[in-house]
Amino acid sequence: MIANYGFEDGSGSYYIAIDTDHCTDCKERGCLESCQNKVFEMELNDWDDEVAIIKKDYCNQLKSICAGCKPLVDRPELLPCEKACSFRSIVHTW
């Protein structure tokens, strides 16, 4: 399942999508450690599988929280959390 976390305002749409189907197979949990602002956490889904989510208090602040990793110029091809996910299941859209 693709879970989308984020918000839209007058300046645009700011979302992080996580393909949670891969979380159950992940042993590293790289997303938790790679994020300098610690926006990720693990939660049990409806089927008692542990999956990555964005902390609820952070969803409406992703644009500013992730700005350090996602600058407007000289942006890396993969952000730290995207690179840390061995399944490439994390995508930032903005």
N, C-alpha and C. Protein backbone atom coordinates (compact mmCIF):
# COMPACT_ATOMS: atom_id res chain seq x y z
N MET A 1 0.84 -1.16 0.00
CA MET A 1 0.00 0.00 0.00
C MET A 1 0.89 1.23 0.00
N ILE A 2 0.53 2.23 -0.79
CA ILE A 2 1.25 3.50 -0.81
C ILE A 2 0.57 4.43 0.19
N ALA A 3 1.31 4.85 1.19
CA ALA A 3 0.79 5.79 2.20
C ALA A 3 1.40 7.16 1.91
N ASN A 4 0.55 8.18 1.81
CA ASN A 4 0.99 9.54 1.54
C ASN A 4 0.83 10.39 2.80
N TYR A 5 1.89 11.11 3.13
CA TYR A 5 1.89 11.98 4.30
C TYR A 5 2.32 13.37 3.85
N GLY A 6 1.60 14.39 4.27
CA GLY A 6 2.00 15.73 3.92
C GLY A 6 0.85 16.70 3.90
N PHE A 7 0.99 17.74 3.06
CA PHE A 7 -0.02 18.79 3.03
C PHE A 7 0.07 19.57 1.73
N GLU A 8 -0.96 20.36 1.47
CA GLU A 8 -1.00 21.30 0.35
C GLU A 8 -1.36 22.66 0.91
N ASP A 9 -0.73 23.70 0.34
CA ASP A 9 -1.12 25.06 0.69
C ASP A 9 -0.97 25.92 -0.57
N GLY A 10 -1.03 27.22 -0.42
CA GLY A 10 -0.96 28.11 -1.57
C GLY A 10 0.34 28.03 -2.33
N SER A 11 1.40 27.53 -1.71
CA SER A 11 2.69 27.44 -2.38
C SER A 11 2.93 26.10 -3.07
N GLY A 12 2.07 25.11 -2.83
CA GLY A 12 2.24 23.82 -3.49
C GLY A 12 1.81 22.64 -2.64
N SER A 13 2.21 21.46 -3.12
CA SER A 13 1.92 20.19 -2.45
C SER A 13 3.22 19.60 -1.95
N TYR A 14 3.21 19.12 -0.73
CA TYR A 14 4.41 18.61 -0.09
C TYR A 14 4.09 17.26 0.56
N TYR A 15 4.54 16.18 -0.10
CA TYR A 15 4.20 14.84 0.38
C TYR A 15 5.42 13.92 0.39
N ILE A 16 5.40 13.01 1.33
CA ILE A 16 6.31 11.87 1.33
C ILE A 16 5.42 10.65 1.18
N ALA A 17 5.72 9.84 0.18
CA ALA A 17 4.98 8.59 -0.06
C ALA A 17 5.87 7.43 0.38
N ILE A 18 5.27 6.48 1.07
CA ILE A 18 5.98 5.29 1.53
C ILE A 18 5.22 4.06 1.05
N ASP A 19 5.91 3.19 0.32
CA ASP A 19 5.31 1.93 -0.10
C ASP A 19 5.48 0.96 1.07
N THR A 20 4.46 0.88 1.90
CA THR A 20 4.56 0.12 3.14
C THR A 20 4.61 -1.40 2.93
N ASP A 21 4.30 -1.86 1.73
CA ASP A 21 4.41 -3.30 1.46
C ASP A 21 5.84 -3.80 1.65
N HIS A 22 6.81 -2.93 1.48
CA HIS A 22 8.20 -3.33 1.62
C HIS A 22 8.70 -3.25 3.06
N CYS A 23 8.02 -2.51 3.90
CA CYS A 23 8.46 -2.34 5.29
C CYS A 23 8.52 -3.67 6.04
N THR A 24 7.61 -4.55 5.75
CA THR A 24 7.58 -5.83 6.48
C THR A 24 8.79 -6.69 6.16
N ASP A 25 9.40 -6.49 4.99
CA ASP A 25 10.58 -7.26 4.60
C ASP A 25 11.88 -6.58 5.01
N CYS A 26 11.80 -5.36 5.48
CA CYS A 26 12.99 -4.57 5.80
C CYS A 26 13.52 -4.94 7.18
N LYS A 27 14.81 -5.20 7.24
CA LYS A 27 15.46 -5.51 8.51
C LYS A 27 16.29 -4.33 9.02
N GLU A 28 16.74 -3.45 8.09
CA GLU A 28 17.65 -2.37 8.47
C GLU A 28 16.96 -1.20 9.15
N ARG A 29 15.74 -0.85 8.72
CA ARG A 29 15.03 0.32 9.24
C ARG A 29 15.87 1.59 9.06
N GLY A 30 16.52 1.67 7.89
CA GLY A 30 17.41 2.80 7.58
C GLY A 30 16.72 4.14 7.61
N CYS A 31 15.44 4.18 7.29
CA CYS A 31 14.72 5.45 7.29
C CYS A 31 14.71 6.10 8.66
N LEU A 32 14.68 5.29 9.70
CA LEU A 32 14.63 5.84 11.06
C LEU A 32 15.91 6.58 11.43
N GLU A 33 17.04 6.01 11.05
CA GLU A 33 18.33 6.58 11.43
C GLU A 33 18.83 7.63 10.45
N SER A 34 18.41 7.57 9.20
CA SER A 34 18.96 8.47 8.19
C SER A 34 18.37 9.87 8.25
N CYS A 35 17.21 10.02 8.81
CA CYS A 35 16.55 11.32 8.85
C CYS A 35 17.08 12.14 10.03
N GLN A 36 17.74 13.24 9.70
CA GLN A 36 18.31 14.08 10.77
C GLN A 36 17.25 14.70 11.66
N ASN A 37 16.01 14.84 11.15
CA ASN A 37 14.94 15.43 11.93
C ASN A 37 13.99 14.40 12.55
N LYS A 38 14.30 13.13 12.33
CA LYS A 38 13.55 12.03 12.96
C LYS A 38 12.05 12.10 12.69
N VAL A 39 11.67 12.28 11.40
CA VAL A 39 10.24 12.35 11.06
C VAL A 39 9.59 10.97 10.93
N PHE A 40 10.40 9.92 10.78
CA PHE A 40 9.86 8.57 10.61
C PHE A 40 9.73 7.86 11.96
N GLU A 41 8.73 7.00 12.04
CA GLU A 41 8.60 6.08 13.16
C GLU A 41 7.92 4.81 12.65
N MET A 42 8.00 3.76 13.43
CA MET A 42 7.37 2.50 13.04
C MET A 42 6.05 2.37 13.79
N GLU A 43 5.07 1.77 13.10
CA GLU A 43 3.74 1.60 13.67
C GLU A 43 3.17 0.28 13.15
N LEU A 44 2.33 -0.34 13.93
CA LEU A 44 1.65 -1.54 13.47
C LEU A 44 0.46 -1.13 12.60
N ASN A 45 0.35 -1.78 11.43
CA ASN A 45 -0.80 -1.48 10.57
C ASN A 45 -1.98 -2.38 10.96
N ASP A 46 -3.02 -2.35 10.16
CA ASP A 46 -4.23 -3.12 10.46
C ASP A 46 -4.02 -4.62 10.48
N TRP A 47 -2.93 -5.09 9.89
CA TRP A 47 -2.64 -6.52 9.82
C TRP A 47 -1.50 -6.90 10.76
N ASP A 48 -1.21 -6.02 11.72
CA ASP A 48 -0.15 -6.22 12.71
C ASP A 48 1.24 -6.34 12.11
N ASP A 49 1.45 -5.70 10.96
CA ASP A 49 2.78 -5.60 10.36
C ASP A 49 3.38 -4.26 10.76
N GLU A 50 4.64 -4.26 11.07
CA GLU A 50 5.31 -3.02 11.43
C GLU A 50 5.71 -2.29 10.16
N VAL A 51 5.25 -1.05 10.01
CA VAL A 51 5.52 -0.26 8.81
C VAL A 51 5.99 1.14 9.21
N ALA A 52 6.72 1.78 8.29
CA ALA A 52 7.19 3.15 8.53
C ALA A 52 6.07 4.13 8.25
N ILE A 53 6.00 5.15 9.10
CA ILE A 53 5.04 6.24 8.90
C ILE A 53 5.77 7.55 9.20
N ILE A 54 5.15 8.66 8.83
CA ILE A 54 5.63 9.97 9.23
C ILE A 54 4.89 10.35 10.51
N LYS A 55 5.62 10.83 11.49
CA LYS A 55 4.99 11.23 12.75
C LYS A 55 3.90 12.25 12.47
N LYS A 56 2.76 12.05 13.07
CA LYS A 56 1.58 12.89 12.80
C LYS A 56 1.84 14.38 13.01
N ASP A 57 2.60 14.74 14.02
CA ASP A 57 2.89 16.15 14.30
C ASP A 57 3.77 16.79 13.23
N TYR A 58 4.40 15.97 12.38
CA TYR A 58 5.33 16.49 11.38
C TYR A 58 4.70 16.63 10.00
N CYS A 59 3.57 16.02 9.76
CA CYS A 59 2.97 15.99 8.42
C CYS A 59 2.74 17.37 7.82
N ASN A 60 2.29 18.32 8.61
CA ASN A 60 2.00 19.66 8.09
C ASN A 60 3.21 20.58 8.07
N GLN A 61 4.39 20.02 8.35
CA GLN A 61 5.61 20.83 8.38
C GLN A 61 6.70 20.27 7.47
N LEU A 62 6.38 19.30 6.63
CA LEU A 62 7.42 18.63 5.86
C LEU A 62 8.25 19.57 5.00
N LYS A 63 7.63 20.59 4.42
CA LYS A 63 8.38 21.52 3.58
C LYS A 63 9.54 22.14 4.36
N SER A 64 9.29 22.60 5.55
CA SER A 64 10.35 23.24 6.33
C SER A 64 11.26 22.22 7.01
N ILE A 65 10.71 21.11 7.48
CA ILE A 65 11.51 20.10 8.16
C ILE A 65 12.51 19.47 7.20
N CYS A 66 12.09 19.19 5.98
CA CYS A 66 12.95 18.50 5.01
C CYS A 66 13.80 19.45 4.17
N ALA A 67 13.68 20.76 4.39
CA ALA A 67 14.39 21.73 3.57
C ALA A 67 15.91 21.53 3.60
N GLY A 68 16.45 21.15 4.72
CA GLY A 68 17.90 20.94 4.81
C GLY A 68 18.39 19.81 3.92
N CYS A 69 17.58 18.80 3.74
CA CYS A 69 17.95 17.65 2.90
C CYS A 69 17.54 17.85 1.44
N LYS A 70 16.59 18.74 1.20
CA LYS A 70 16.05 18.93 -0.15
C LYS A 70 16.15 20.40 -0.54
N PRO A 71 17.39 20.89 -0.74
CA PRO A 71 17.57 22.29 -1.10
C PRO A 71 17.06 22.58 -2.51
N LEU A 72 16.87 23.85 -2.81
CA LEU A 72 16.38 24.24 -4.13
C LEU A 72 17.45 24.08 -5.21
N VAL A 73 18.73 24.23 -4.85
CA VAL A 73 19.83 24.07 -5.80
C VAL A 73 20.78 23.00 -5.29
N ASP A 74 21.51 22.40 -6.22
CA ASP A 74 22.47 21.34 -5.89
C ASP A 74 21.84 20.21 -5.07
N ARG A 75 20.63 19.85 -5.45
CA ARG A 75 19.90 18.79 -4.75
C ARG A 75 20.51 17.44 -5.11
N PRO A 76 20.74 16.59 -4.12
CA PRO A 76 21.26 15.25 -4.43
C PRO A 76 20.21 14.42 -5.17
N GLU A 77 20.68 13.44 -5.93
CA GLU A 77 19.74 12.58 -6.67
C GLU A 77 18.78 11.87 -5.74
N LEU A 78 19.30 11.33 -4.64
CA LEU A 78 18.47 10.69 -3.62
C LEU A 78 18.70 11.38 -2.28
N LEU A 79 17.63 11.67 -1.59
CA LEU A 79 17.74 12.25 -0.25
C LEU A 79 18.18 11.17 0.73
N PRO A 80 18.71 11.54 1.90
CA PRO A 80 19.23 10.53 2.84
C PRO A 80 18.23 9.41 3.16
N CYS A 81 16.96 9.75 3.39
CA CYS A 81 15.99 8.70 3.71
C CYS A 81 15.69 7.82 2.50
N GLU A 82 15.68 8.41 1.31
CA GLU A 82 15.45 7.62 0.10
C GLU A 82 16.62 6.67 -0.13
N LYS A 83 17.82 7.16 0.08
CA LYS A 83 19.02 6.35 -0.11
C LYS A 83 19.10 5.24 0.93
N ALA A 84 18.67 5.52 2.16
CA ALA A 84 18.76 4.54 3.24
C ALA A 84 17.76 3.40 3.10
N CYS A 85 16.69 3.63 2.34
CA CYS A 85 15.68 2.59 2.14
C CYS A 85 16.17 1.63 1.06
N SER A 86 16.52 0.43 1.46
CA SER A 86 17.06 -0.55 0.51
C SER A 86 16.04 -0.96 -0.55
N PHE A 87 14.77 -0.73 -0.30
CA PHE A 87 13.72 -1.07 -1.26
C PHE A 87 13.32 0.12 -2.12
N ARG A 88 13.90 1.29 -1.86
CA ARG A 88 13.56 2.54 -2.58
C ARG A 88 12.07 2.81 -2.51
N SER A 89 11.53 2.65 -1.32
CA SER A 89 10.07 2.78 -1.10
C SER A 89 9.66 4.14 -0.57
N ILE A 90 10.59 5.07 -0.48
CA ILE A 90 10.29 6.42 0.00
C ILE A 90 10.49 7.39 -1.14
N VAL A 91 9.48 8.26 -1.36
CA VAL A 91 9.55 9.25 -2.43
C VAL A 91 9.03 10.58 -1.89
N HIS A 92 9.81 11.63 -2.12
CA HIS A 92 9.38 13.00 -1.79
C HIS A 92 8.80 13.62 -3.05
N THR A 93 7.67 14.28 -2.95
CA THR A 93 7.10 14.97 -4.11
C THR A 93 6.83 16.42 -3.76
N TRP A 94 7.69 17.27 -4.24
CA TRP A 94 7.53 18.72 -4.26
C TRP A 94 8.69 19.35 -4.94
